[in-house]
Amino acid sequence: MPRLIPASERMVRARALIQKARDLPPPAEVGWGDFSYAAQVKDIIQQARDLIKFIPYTPSASAEMKNEVAKIFQEADQAEKEILHR
């Protein structure tokens, strides 16, 4: 049976994924390398979003936790824009 991951750990993992996307080395060549890089960045950012997207809908989510999730979503959006529009 899969182990449930607590919301606080999900938020930590989501931030780590956002950082992982930021740390990806940009492609050396233009062309298909750019497409592959963009796909990797988008995939990692989406993984971060998927980890936390249901937290605000859980009965145990406090207002503080919901605000933190909103901040992480903003960080994910900002990171994606910064990484892909260098």
C-alpha atoms as a PDB file:
ATOM      1  CA  MET A   1       0.000   0.000   0.000  1.00  0.00           C
ATOM      2  CA  PRO A   2       1.433   3.434  -0.888  1.00  0.00           C
ATOM      3  CA  ARG A   3       2.501   5.689   1.945  1.00  0.00           C
ATOM      4  CA  LEU A   4       0.690   9.010   2.235  1.00  0.00           C
ATOM      5  CA  ILE A   5       2.940  12.039   2.175  1.00  0.00           C
ATOM      6  CA  PRO A   6       2.052  14.767   4.709  1.00  0.00           C
ATOM      7  CA  ALA A   7       1.152  18.175   3.285  1.00  0.00           C
ATOM      8  CA  SER A   8       4.190  19.834   4.866  1.00  0.00           C
ATOM      9  CA  GLU A   9       6.523  17.336   3.189  1.00  0.00           C
ATOM     10  CA  ARG A  10       4.698  17.813  -0.135  1.00  0.00           C
ATOM     11  CA  MET A  11       5.380  21.542   0.063  1.00  0.00           C
ATOM     12  CA  VAL A  12       9.068  20.946   0.785  1.00  0.00           C
ATOM     13  CA  ARG A  13       9.307  18.518  -2.136  1.00  0.00           C
ATOM     14  CA  ALA A  14       7.508  20.955  -4.448  1.00  0.00           C
ATOM     15  CA  ARG A  15      10.001  23.705  -3.620  1.00  0.00           C
ATOM     16  CA  ALA A  16      12.869  21.261  -4.191  1.00  0.00           C
ATOM     17  CA  LEU A  17      11.449  20.424  -7.627  1.00  0.00           C
ATOM     18  CA  ILE A  18      11.219  24.115  -8.498  1.00  0.00           C
ATOM     19  CA  GLN A  19      14.877  24.476  -7.524  1.00  0.00           C
ATOM     20  CA  LYS A  20      15.733  21.393  -9.606  1.00  0.00           C
ATOM     21  CA  ALA A  21      14.148  23.091 -12.633  1.00  0.00           C
ATOM     22  CA  ARG A  22      16.180  26.237 -11.963  1.00  0.00           C
ATOM     23  CA  ASP A  23      19.384  24.157 -11.705  1.00  0.00           C
ATOM     24  CA  LEU A  24      18.940  22.393 -15.062  1.00  0.00           C
ATOM     25  CA  PRO A  25      21.797  23.405 -17.337  1.00  0.00           C
ATOM     26  CA  PRO A  26      20.531  25.334 -20.372  1.00  0.00           C
ATOM     27  CA  PRO A  27      21.048  23.665 -23.755  1.00  0.00           C
ATOM     28  CA  ALA A  28      24.324  24.313 -25.526  1.00  0.00           C
ATOM     29  CA  GLU A  29      22.783  24.237 -28.974  1.00  0.00           C
ATOM     30  CA  VAL A  30      19.687  25.889 -30.370  1.00  0.00           C
ATOM     31  CA  GLY A  31      17.008  23.775 -32.021  1.00  0.00           C
ATOM     32  CA  TRP A  32      15.801  20.465 -30.650  1.00  0.00           C
ATOM     33  CA  GLY A  33      17.869  21.000 -27.518  1.00  0.00           C
ATOM     34  CA  ASP A  34      15.694  23.996 -26.711  1.00  0.00           C
ATOM     35  CA  PHE A  35      12.512  21.949 -27.111  1.00  0.00           C
ATOM     36  CA  SER A  36      13.844  19.157 -24.934  1.00  0.00           C
ATOM     37  CA  TYR A  37      15.002  21.640 -22.281  1.00  0.00           C
ATOM     38  CA  ALA A  38      11.656  23.441 -22.274  1.00  0.00           C
ATOM     39  CA  ALA A  39       9.825  20.120 -21.971  1.00  0.00           C
ATOM     40  CA  GLN A  40      12.026  19.073 -19.029  1.00  0.00           C
ATOM     41  CA  VAL A  41      11.465  22.388 -17.238  1.00  0.00           C
ATOM     42  CA  LYS A  42       7.704  22.266 -17.794  1.00  0.00           C
ATOM     43  CA  ASP A  43       7.569  18.643 -16.615  1.00  0.00           C
ATOM     44  CA  ILE A  44       9.464  19.327 -13.403  1.00  0.00           C
ATOM     45  CA  ILE A  45       7.375  22.421 -12.636  1.00  0.00           C
ATOM     46  CA  GLN A  46       4.190  20.424 -13.300  1.00  0.00           C
ATOM     47  CA  GLN A  47       5.380  17.717 -10.894  1.00  0.00           C
ATOM     48  CA  ALA A  48       5.764  20.421  -8.237  1.00  0.00           C
ATOM     49  CA  ARG A  49       2.249  21.720  -8.907  1.00  0.00           C
ATOM     50  CA  ASP A  50       0.787  18.211  -8.855  1.00  0.00           C
ATOM     51  CA  LEU A  51       2.294  17.526  -5.434  1.00  0.00           C
ATOM     52  CA  ILE A  52       0.430  20.411  -3.813  1.00  0.00           C
ATOM     53  CA  LYS A  53      -2.666  21.049  -5.926  1.00  0.00           C
ATOM     54  CA  PHE A  54      -5.109  19.225  -3.625  1.00  0.00           C
ATOM     55  CA  ILE A  55      -3.764  20.496  -0.303  1.00  0.00           C
ATOM     56  CA  PRO A  56      -6.144  23.501  -0.133  1.00  0.00           C
ATOM     57  CA  TYR A  57      -9.138  21.156  -0.506  1.00  0.00           C
ATOM     58  CA  THR A  58      -8.259  18.890   2.412  1.00  0.00           C
ATOM     59  CA  PRO A  59     -10.228  19.415   5.628  1.00  0.00           C
ATOM     60  CA  SER A  60      -7.037  19.612   7.694  1.00  0.00           C
ATOM     61  CA  ALA A  61      -5.531  22.458   5.629  1.00  0.00           C
ATOM     62  CA  SER A  62      -5.203  25.598   7.717  1.00  0.00           C
ATOM     63  CA  ALA A  63      -5.451  29.101   6.279  1.00  0.00           C
ATOM     64  CA  GLU A  64      -1.684  29.421   6.726  1.00  0.00           C
ATOM     65  CA  MET A  65      -1.084  26.208   4.792  1.00  0.00           C
ATOM     66  CA  LYS A  66      -3.400  27.375   1.984  1.00  0.00           C
ATOM     67  CA  ASN A  67      -1.477  30.656   1.774  1.00  0.00           C
ATOM     68  CA  GLU A  68       1.808  28.741   1.598  1.00  0.00           C
ATOM     69  CA  VAL A  69       0.460  26.595  -1.245  1.00  0.00           C
ATOM     70  CA  ALA A  70      -0.585  29.750  -3.112  1.00  0.00           C
ATOM     71  CA  LYS A  71       2.953  31.108  -2.671  1.00  0.00           C
ATOM     72  CA  ILE A  72       4.453  27.902  -4.065  1.00  0.00           C
ATOM     73  CA  PHE A  73       2.168  28.114  -7.107  1.00  0.00           C
ATOM     74  CA  GLN A  74       3.366  31.683  -7.648  1.00  0.00           C
ATOM     75  CA  GLU A  75       6.988  30.560  -7.261  1.00  0.00           C
ATOM     76  CA  ALA A  76       6.401  27.799  -9.825  1.00  0.00           C
ATOM     77  CA  ASP A  77       4.874  30.237 -12.330  1.00  0.00           C
ATOM     78  CA  GLN A  78       7.657  32.749 -11.788  1.00  0.00           C
ATOM     79  CA  ALA A  79      10.393  30.116 -12.074  1.00  0.00           C
ATOM     80  CA  GLU A  80       8.940  28.753 -15.306  1.00  0.00           C
ATOM     81  CA  LYS A  81       8.829  32.238 -16.830  1.00  0.00           C
ATOM     82  CA  GLU A  82      12.363  33.091 -15.710  1.00  0.00           C
ATOM     83  CA  ILE A  83      13.882  29.796 -16.849  1.00  0.00           C
ATOM     84  CA  LEU A  84      12.231  29.653 -20.266  1.00  0.00           C
ATOM     85  CA  HIS A  85      12.659  33.316 -21.139  1.00  0.00           C
ATOM     86  CA  ARG A  86      16.355  33.768 -20.432  1.00  0.00           C
END
